[in-house]
Amino acid sequence: MRTIASLVVLMSVAGSALAQESPAQSVPAERLGTWAPRDANSCDAIYGDGRQLCLADRYRMHLEQQAHDQQIALQRAQAENLRLHNELLRHELASVQPAAALSTTELASTPGFDTWQTENRWFGSDHARTEYALLYAKDLRQVQPELTGRPFLNALSARVKDVFAPAKR
């Protein structure tokens, strides 16, 4: 009877010991060593393998924080670079003011315009050709300012004919 009683006591102690160990064994491997200490110096109170895990976790958290800080600094630098680039483009755009196209009245003040217009009936009636002629006249005056009068108007009509010539098949 004593033997049975001792055996029952021994079995109950062994069973409670197994019950205490089983929750620790049920923790998945990816969760081991991923706890955060409550206090920065709490690893000092831990001994053995637990201390090594604690120190490893603290080091990993430190590296993750550094990487996060570097990423934020890089994003800020990129945003500042983009802002400065946009500001530079705005400044360049403001400094380069495109010259307006010649108006019909400005072109009409060119000597020989009346006879040129009778030869080029498209001027004023064909919107696309007229607009192109006015834009090209502005460019031609910038490139060849010495070209005036009828030679200027002839160069203008030659260019319009070249651009608006019917496509050859």
Protein backbone atom coordinates (compact mmCIF):
# COMPACT_ATOMS: atom_id res chain seq x y z
CA MET A 1 0.00 0.00 0.00
CA ARG A 2 2.83 2.35 0.81
CA THR A 3 4.34 1.56 -2.50
CA ILE A 4 1.16 2.43 -4.31
CA ALA A 5 0.79 5.69 -2.38
CA SER A 6 4.39 6.67 -3.14
CA LEU A 7 3.88 5.75 -6.74
CA VAL A 8 0.74 7.94 -6.94
CA VAL A 9 2.57 10.88 -5.34
CA LEU A 10 5.51 10.42 -7.70
CA MET A 11 3.17 10.28 -10.72
CA SER A 12 1.31 13.42 -9.68
CA VAL A 13 4.58 15.34 -9.22
CA ALA A 14 5.84 14.16 -12.59
CA GLY A 15 2.51 15.05 -14.22
CA SER A 16 2.56 18.58 -12.80
CA ALA A 17 6.14 19.02 -13.97
CA LEU A 18 5.16 17.98 -17.49
CA ALA A 19 2.16 20.31 -17.39
CA GLN A 20 4.45 23.25 -16.52
CA GLU A 21 6.86 22.49 -19.37
CA SER A 22 4.29 21.97 -22.13
CA PRO A 23 3.27 25.67 -22.61
CA ALA A 24 6.90 26.64 -23.14
CA GLN A 25 7.29 23.90 -25.73
CA SER A 26 4.15 24.99 -27.60
CA VAL A 27 5.62 28.40 -28.53
CA PRO A 28 6.46 28.39 -32.26
CA ALA A 29 10.12 28.72 -33.24
CA GLU A 30 9.59 32.09 -35.05
CA ARG A 31 8.27 33.63 -31.82
CA LEU A 32 11.28 32.66 -29.71
CA GLY A 33 13.49 35.63 -28.88
CA THR A 34 11.03 38.27 -30.08
CA TRP A 35 9.96 39.82 -26.83
CA ALA A 36 10.74 43.42 -25.94
CA PRO A 37 12.21 44.17 -22.52
CA ARG A 38 10.23 46.55 -20.34
CA ASP A 39 13.32 48.35 -19.15
CA ALA A 40 16.39 49.18 -21.22
CA ASN A 41 18.64 47.61 -18.60
CA SER A 42 16.43 44.62 -17.86
CA CYS A 43 18.81 42.28 -19.72
CA ASP A 44 21.25 42.84 -16.85
CA ALA A 45 18.95 40.97 -14.47
CA ILE A 46 18.73 37.93 -16.78
CA TYR A 47 21.37 35.19 -16.75
CA GLY A 48 22.32 32.44 -19.18
CA ASP A 49 20.70 31.93 -22.57
CA GLY A 50 17.85 34.32 -21.74
CA ARG A 51 20.35 37.17 -21.40
CA GLN A 52 21.84 36.38 -24.80
CA LEU A 53 18.37 36.39 -26.36
CA CYS A 54 17.55 39.65 -24.62
CA LEU A 55 20.76 41.31 -25.85
CA ALA A 56 20.20 39.98 -29.36
CA ASP A 57 16.67 41.40 -29.36
CA ARG A 58 17.90 44.77 -28.14
CA TYR A 59 20.54 44.84 -30.89
CA ARG A 60 17.98 43.82 -33.56
CA MET A 61 15.56 46.53 -32.39
CA HIS A 62 18.40 49.06 -32.48
CA LEU A 63 19.28 48.10 -36.06
CA GLU A 64 15.64 48.26 -37.14
CA GLN A 65 15.30 51.73 -35.63
CA GLN A 66 18.47 52.87 -37.40
CA ALA A 67 17.19 51.54 -40.74
CA HIS A 68 13.84 53.25 -40.18
CA ASP A 69 15.54 56.56 -39.34
CA GLN A 70 17.75 56.32 -42.41
CA GLN A 71 14.75 55.62 -44.63
CA ILE A 72 12.91 58.65 -43.25
CA ALA A 73 16.00 60.84 -43.76
CA LEU A 74 16.31 59.60 -47.35
CA GLN A 75 12.64 60.32 -48.06
CA ARG A 76 13.01 63.84 -46.63
CA ALA A 77 16.13 64.45 -48.73
CA GLN A 78 14.32 63.23 -51.87
CA ALA A 79 11.33 65.47 -51.13
CA GLU A 80 13.63 68.47 -50.59
CA ASN A 81 15.50 67.66 -53.81
CA LEU A 82 12.21 67.49 -55.72
CA ARG A 83 11.06 70.79 -54.20
CA LEU A 84 14.33 72.52 -55.16
CA HIS A 85 14.18 71.05 -58.66
CA ASN A 86 10.62 72.33 -59.12
CA GLU A 87 11.64 75.75 -57.82
CA LEU A 88 14.54 75.84 -60.29
CA LEU A 89 12.23 74.90 -63.16
CA ARG A 90 9.75 77.62 -62.14
CA HIS A 91 12.57 80.16 -62.03
CA GLU A 92 13.83 79.11 -65.48
CA LEU A 93 10.32 79.24 -66.88
CA ALA A 94 9.78 82.72 -65.48
CA SER A 95 13.06 83.98 -66.94
CA VAL A 96 12.31 82.64 -70.43
CA GLN A 97 9.30 84.58 -71.68
CA PRO A 98 8.24 83.35 -75.10
CA ALA A 99 7.74 86.07 -77.65
CA ALA A 100 4.20 86.35 -78.91
CA ALA A 101 3.42 85.51 -82.51
CA LEU A 102 3.07 88.37 -84.94
CA SER A 103 -0.40 89.70 -85.34
CA THR A 104 -2.08 90.06 -88.69
CA THR A 105 -1.87 93.84 -88.42
CA GLU A 106 1.88 93.70 -87.76
CA LEU A 107 2.38 91.51 -90.79
CA ALA A 108 0.10 93.79 -92.83
CA SER A 109 2.43 96.72 -92.10
CA THR A 110 5.21 94.96 -94.06
CA PRO A 111 5.89 96.69 -97.39
CA GLY A 112 4.41 94.70 -100.30
CA PHE A 113 1.85 92.89 -98.11
CA ASP A 114 -1.17 93.84 -100.26
CA THR A 115 0.17 92.26 -103.44
CA TRP A 116 1.52 89.28 -101.48
CA GLN A 117 -1.92 88.65 -99.94
CA THR A 118 -3.62 88.66 -103.34
CA GLU A 119 -1.15 85.99 -104.47
CA ASN A 120 -1.61 83.96 -101.25
CA ARG A 121 -5.38 83.81 -100.83
CA TRP A 122 -5.07 81.26 -98.02
CA PHE A 123 -3.87 84.02 -95.67
CA GLY A 124 -6.81 84.99 -93.46
CA SER A 125 -9.17 82.34 -94.85
CA ASP A 126 -7.28 79.14 -93.89
CA HIS A 127 -6.88 79.31 -90.12
CA ALA A 128 -4.15 76.65 -89.84
CA ARG A 129 -1.97 78.18 -92.58
CA THR A 130 -2.48 81.71 -91.27
CA GLU A 131 -1.51 80.73 -87.70
CA TYR A 132 1.52 78.83 -88.96
CA ALA A 133 2.56 81.79 -91.12
CA LEU A 134 2.32 84.17 -88.15
CA LEU A 135 4.39 81.84 -85.92
CA TYR A 136 6.97 81.28 -88.64
CA ALA A 137 7.15 85.04 -89.28
CA LYS A 138 8.11 85.58 -85.65
CA ASP A 139 10.87 82.94 -85.87
CA LEU A 140 12.09 84.22 -89.23
CA ARG A 141 12.43 87.77 -87.88
CA GLN A 142 14.54 86.46 -84.97
CA VAL A 143 16.79 84.31 -87.17
CA GLN A 144 17.10 86.72 -90.13
CA PRO A 145 16.31 90.25 -88.93
CA GLU A 146 17.80 91.74 -92.12
CA LEU A 147 15.12 90.04 -94.24
CA THR A 148 12.32 92.58 -94.79
CA GLY A 149 9.66 93.54 -97.30
CA ARG A 150 8.72 91.31 -100.20
CA PRO A 151 11.68 88.87 -99.73
CA PHE A 152 10.48 88.28 -96.16
CA LEU A 153 6.91 87.61 -97.33
CA ASN A 154 8.14 85.32 -100.15
CA ALA A 155 10.19 83.26 -97.66
CA LEU A 156 7.10 83.05 -95.50
CA SER A 157 4.86 81.77 -98.30
CA ALA A 158 7.53 79.29 -99.49
CA ARG A 159 7.72 77.77 -96.02
CA VAL A 160 3.93 77.52 -95.73
CA LYS A 161 3.78 75.80 -99.13
CA ASP A 162 6.45 73.29 -98.04
CA VAL A 163 4.69 72.46 -94.79
CA PHE A 164 1.16 72.29 -96.15
CA ALA A 165 1.98 70.64 -99.49
CA PRO A 166 -0.29 67.71 -100.30
CA ALA A 167 1.24 64.32 -99.48
CA LYS A 168 2.68 62.52 -102.50
CA ARG A 169 1.46 58.97 -103.08
